[in-house]
Amino acid sequence: MGTLSIVAVYLASLLKNIRLVLSTLDEALAKEPDRKCFRLVGGVLVERTVKDVVPALQTNKEGVRDSVLCLRP
């Protein structure tokens, strides 16, 4: 398996995890947008609110998705 294939598999797994987290946070966003949550940023765990984290995760999801699409043959 080539290096690009390994990266593509890793990114696909990351995309799946981001989607799972977003589906969970979407429920919290609807009910309690000011609820605190934690996010790992550069190896540091930071406290944020759900309403702050969801847009950032959606942006990350789009970037990872675009990368996966670029790596597919």
N, C-alpha and C. Protein backbone atom coordinates (compact mmCIF):
# COMPACT_ATOMS: atom_id res chain seq x y z
N MET A 1 0.87 -1.17 0.00
CA MET A 1 0.00 0.00 0.00
C MET A 1 0.91 1.23 0.00
N GLY A 2 0.66 2.14 -0.93
CA GLY A 2 1.49 3.33 -1.05
C GLY A 2 1.17 4.38 -0.01
N THR A 3 2.06 5.33 0.10
CA THR A 3 1.90 6.38 1.10
C THR A 3 0.61 7.17 0.90
N LEU A 4 0.30 7.49 -0.35
CA LEU A 4 -0.93 8.24 -0.61
C LEU A 4 -2.17 7.44 -0.24
N SER A 5 -2.12 6.16 -0.43
CA SER A 5 -3.25 5.31 -0.04
C SER A 5 -3.44 5.32 1.47
N ILE A 6 -2.33 5.28 2.19
CA ILE A 6 -2.40 5.31 3.66
C ILE A 6 -2.98 6.63 4.13
N VAL A 7 -2.54 7.72 3.52
CA VAL A 7 -3.06 9.05 3.87
C VAL A 7 -4.56 9.13 3.56
N ALA A 8 -4.96 8.59 2.41
CA ALA A 8 -6.37 8.63 2.03
C ALA A 8 -7.23 7.85 3.02
N VAL A 9 -6.75 6.70 3.47
CA VAL A 9 -7.49 5.89 4.45
C VAL A 9 -7.58 6.64 5.77
N TYR A 10 -6.47 7.25 6.19
CA TYR A 10 -6.47 8.02 7.44
C TYR A 10 -7.46 9.19 7.36
N LEU A 11 -7.44 9.91 6.26
CA LEU A 11 -8.34 11.06 6.12
C LEU A 11 -9.80 10.63 6.06
N ALA A 12 -10.08 9.50 5.42
CA ALA A 12 -11.45 8.98 5.37
C ALA A 12 -11.93 8.62 6.78
N SER A 13 -11.05 8.05 7.58
CA SER A 13 -11.38 7.73 8.96
C SER A 13 -11.61 8.99 9.78
N LEU A 14 -10.77 9.98 9.58
CA LEU A 14 -10.92 11.26 10.26
C LEU A 14 -12.25 11.91 9.89
N LEU A 15 -12.60 11.86 8.62
CA LEU A 15 -13.87 12.42 8.16
C LEU A 15 -15.06 11.73 8.82
N LYS A 16 -14.99 10.42 8.96
CA LYS A 16 -16.06 9.67 9.62
C LYS A 16 -16.20 10.12 11.07
N ASN A 17 -15.07 10.30 11.75
CA ASN A 17 -15.10 10.73 13.15
C ASN A 17 -15.65 12.15 13.29
N ILE A 18 -15.27 13.04 12.40
CA ILE A 18 -15.78 14.41 12.44
C ILE A 18 -17.29 14.41 12.25
N ARG A 19 -17.78 13.60 11.32
CA ARG A 19 -19.23 13.52 11.10
C ARG A 19 -19.95 13.01 12.33
N LEU A 20 -19.37 12.04 13.01
CA LEU A 20 -19.97 11.50 14.22
C LEU A 20 -20.05 12.57 15.31
N VAL A 21 -18.96 13.30 15.50
CA VAL A 21 -18.94 14.37 16.52
C VAL A 21 -19.95 15.45 16.15
N LEU A 22 -20.01 15.83 14.88
CA LEU A 22 -20.97 16.86 14.46
C LEU A 22 -22.41 16.42 14.67
N SER A 23 -22.70 15.16 14.42
CA SER A 23 -24.08 14.71 14.62
C SER A 23 -24.46 14.78 16.10
N THR A 24 -23.51 14.51 16.97
CA THR A 24 -23.76 14.62 18.41
C THR A 24 -23.91 16.09 18.83
N LEU A 25 -23.02 16.93 18.34
CA LEU A 25 -23.05 18.34 18.72
C LEU A 25 -24.23 19.09 18.12
N ASP A 26 -24.75 18.63 16.99
CA ASP A 26 -25.92 19.29 16.39
C ASP A 26 -27.12 19.23 17.33
N GLU A 27 -27.26 18.11 18.04
CA GLU A 27 -28.35 18.00 19.01
C GLU A 27 -28.15 18.99 20.15
N ALA A 28 -26.92 19.09 20.63
CA ALA A 28 -26.63 20.04 21.71
C ALA A 28 -26.78 21.47 21.24
N LEU A 29 -26.42 21.74 19.99
CA LEU A 29 -26.54 23.09 19.44
C LEU A 29 -28.00 23.53 19.40
N ALA A 30 -28.89 22.61 19.08
CA ALA A 30 -30.31 22.94 19.02
C ALA A 30 -30.90 23.20 20.41
N LYS A 31 -30.45 22.45 21.40
CA LYS A 31 -31.03 22.55 22.74
C LYS A 31 -30.27 23.50 23.65
N GLU A 32 -28.95 23.43 23.64
CA GLU A 32 -28.12 24.21 24.55
C GLU A 32 -26.88 24.75 23.83
N PRO A 33 -27.02 25.80 23.04
CA PRO A 33 -25.87 26.30 22.28
C PRO A 33 -24.73 26.84 23.16
N ASP A 34 -25.04 27.23 24.39
CA ASP A 34 -24.00 27.75 25.28
C ASP A 34 -23.38 26.67 26.17
N ARG A 35 -23.75 25.43 25.92
CA ARG A 35 -23.18 24.32 26.69
C ARG A 35 -21.68 24.23 26.41
N LYS A 36 -20.91 23.98 27.45
CA LYS A 36 -19.47 23.92 27.23
C LYS A 36 -19.07 22.56 26.67
N CYS A 37 -18.04 22.60 25.85
CA CYS A 37 -17.46 21.37 25.33
C CYS A 37 -15.96 21.59 25.23
N PHE A 38 -15.24 20.55 24.97
CA PHE A 38 -13.79 20.63 24.92
C PHE A 38 -13.30 20.20 23.56
N ARG A 39 -12.24 20.87 23.10
CA ARG A 39 -11.69 20.60 21.79
C ARG A 39 -10.17 20.56 21.89
N LEU A 40 -9.57 19.62 21.21
CA LEU A 40 -8.12 19.50 21.20
C LEU A 40 -7.59 20.36 20.06
N VAL A 41 -6.82 21.39 20.41
CA VAL A 41 -6.27 22.31 19.42
C VAL A 41 -4.76 22.34 19.59
N GLY A 42 -4.06 21.83 18.61
CA GLY A 42 -2.60 21.82 18.68
C GLY A 42 -2.05 21.09 19.89
N GLY A 43 -2.72 20.02 20.30
CA GLY A 43 -2.28 19.25 21.44
C GLY A 43 -2.71 19.80 22.79
N VAL A 44 -3.48 20.88 22.77
CA VAL A 44 -3.95 21.50 24.01
C VAL A 44 -5.47 21.38 24.07
N LEU A 45 -5.99 20.90 25.18
CA LEU A 45 -7.42 20.77 25.37
C LEU A 45 -7.98 22.13 25.81
N VAL A 46 -8.88 22.69 25.00
CA VAL A 46 -9.44 24.01 25.31
C VAL A 46 -10.95 23.90 25.52
N GLU A 47 -11.45 24.75 26.40
CA GLU A 47 -12.89 24.77 26.68
C GLU A 47 -13.53 25.82 25.79
N ARG A 48 -14.60 25.43 25.11
CA ARG A 48 -15.36 26.32 24.24
C ARG A 48 -16.84 26.03 24.45
N THR A 49 -17.68 26.76 23.74
CA THR A 49 -19.10 26.44 23.74
C THR A 49 -19.43 25.68 22.46
N VAL A 50 -20.54 24.98 22.49
CA VAL A 50 -20.96 24.21 21.32
C VAL A 50 -21.13 25.13 20.11
N LYS A 51 -21.70 26.32 20.34
CA LYS A 51 -21.94 27.22 19.21
C LYS A 51 -20.63 27.73 18.59
N ASP A 52 -19.53 27.69 19.34
CA ASP A 52 -18.23 28.08 18.79
C ASP A 52 -17.53 26.93 18.08
N VAL A 53 -17.75 25.73 18.55
CA VAL A 53 -17.03 24.57 18.02
C VAL A 53 -17.65 24.04 16.72
N VAL A 54 -18.97 24.05 16.63
CA VAL A 54 -19.64 23.46 15.46
C VAL A 54 -19.19 24.10 14.14
N PRO A 55 -19.16 25.43 14.02
CA PRO A 55 -18.70 26.01 12.74
C PRO A 55 -17.26 25.63 12.40
N ALA A 56 -16.40 25.57 13.40
CA ALA A 56 -15.00 25.19 13.15
C ALA A 56 -14.91 23.74 12.67
N LEU A 57 -15.70 22.86 13.28
CA LEU A 57 -15.70 21.46 12.84
C LEU A 57 -16.27 21.30 11.44
N GLN A 58 -17.27 22.09 11.10
CA GLN A 58 -17.83 22.02 9.76
C GLN A 58 -16.79 22.46 8.72
N THR A 59 -16.02 23.47 9.05
CA THR A 59 -14.95 23.91 8.16
C THR A 59 -13.89 22.83 8.02
N ASN A 60 -13.52 22.21 9.14
CA ASN A 60 -12.55 21.10 9.09
C ASN A 60 -13.08 19.94 8.25
N LYS A 61 -14.36 19.64 8.42
CA LYS A 61 -14.97 18.54 7.66
C LYS A 61 -14.87 18.80 6.16
N GLU A 62 -15.16 20.02 5.76
CA GLU A 62 -15.10 20.35 4.34
C GLU A 62 -13.68 20.23 3.80
N GLY A 63 -12.71 20.69 4.58
CA GLY A 63 -11.31 20.58 4.15
C GLY A 63 -10.85 19.15 4.04
N VAL A 64 -11.20 18.32 5.01
CA VAL A 64 -10.82 16.90 4.96
C VAL A 64 -11.52 16.22 3.80
N ARG A 65 -12.80 16.53 3.61
CA ARG A 65 -13.55 15.92 2.50
C ARG A 65 -12.90 16.28 1.16
N ASP A 66 -12.53 17.54 0.99
CA ASP A 66 -11.88 17.96 -0.26
C ASP A 66 -10.55 17.23 -0.46
N SER A 67 -9.81 17.04 0.61
CA SER A 67 -8.54 16.33 0.53
C SER A 67 -8.74 14.88 0.13
N VAL A 68 -9.76 14.24 0.71
CA VAL A 68 -10.07 12.85 0.37
C VAL A 68 -10.43 12.75 -1.11
N LEU A 69 -11.23 13.68 -1.58
CA LEU A 69 -11.64 13.65 -2.99
C LEU A 69 -10.45 13.85 -3.93
N CYS A 70 -9.48 14.66 -3.52
CA CYS A 70 -8.29 14.88 -4.33
C CYS A 70 -7.40 13.65 -4.40
N LEU A 71 -7.41 12.85 -3.34
CA LEU A 71 -6.53 11.68 -3.30
C LEU A 71 -7.12 10.45 -3.94
N ARG A 72 -8.41 10.48 -4.19
CA ARG A 72 -9.04 9.31 -4.82
C ARG A 72 -8.65 9.24 -6.30
N PRO A 73 -8.40 8.02 -6.76
CA PRO A 73 -8.01 7.87 -8.19
C PRO A 73 -9.17 8.10 -9.13
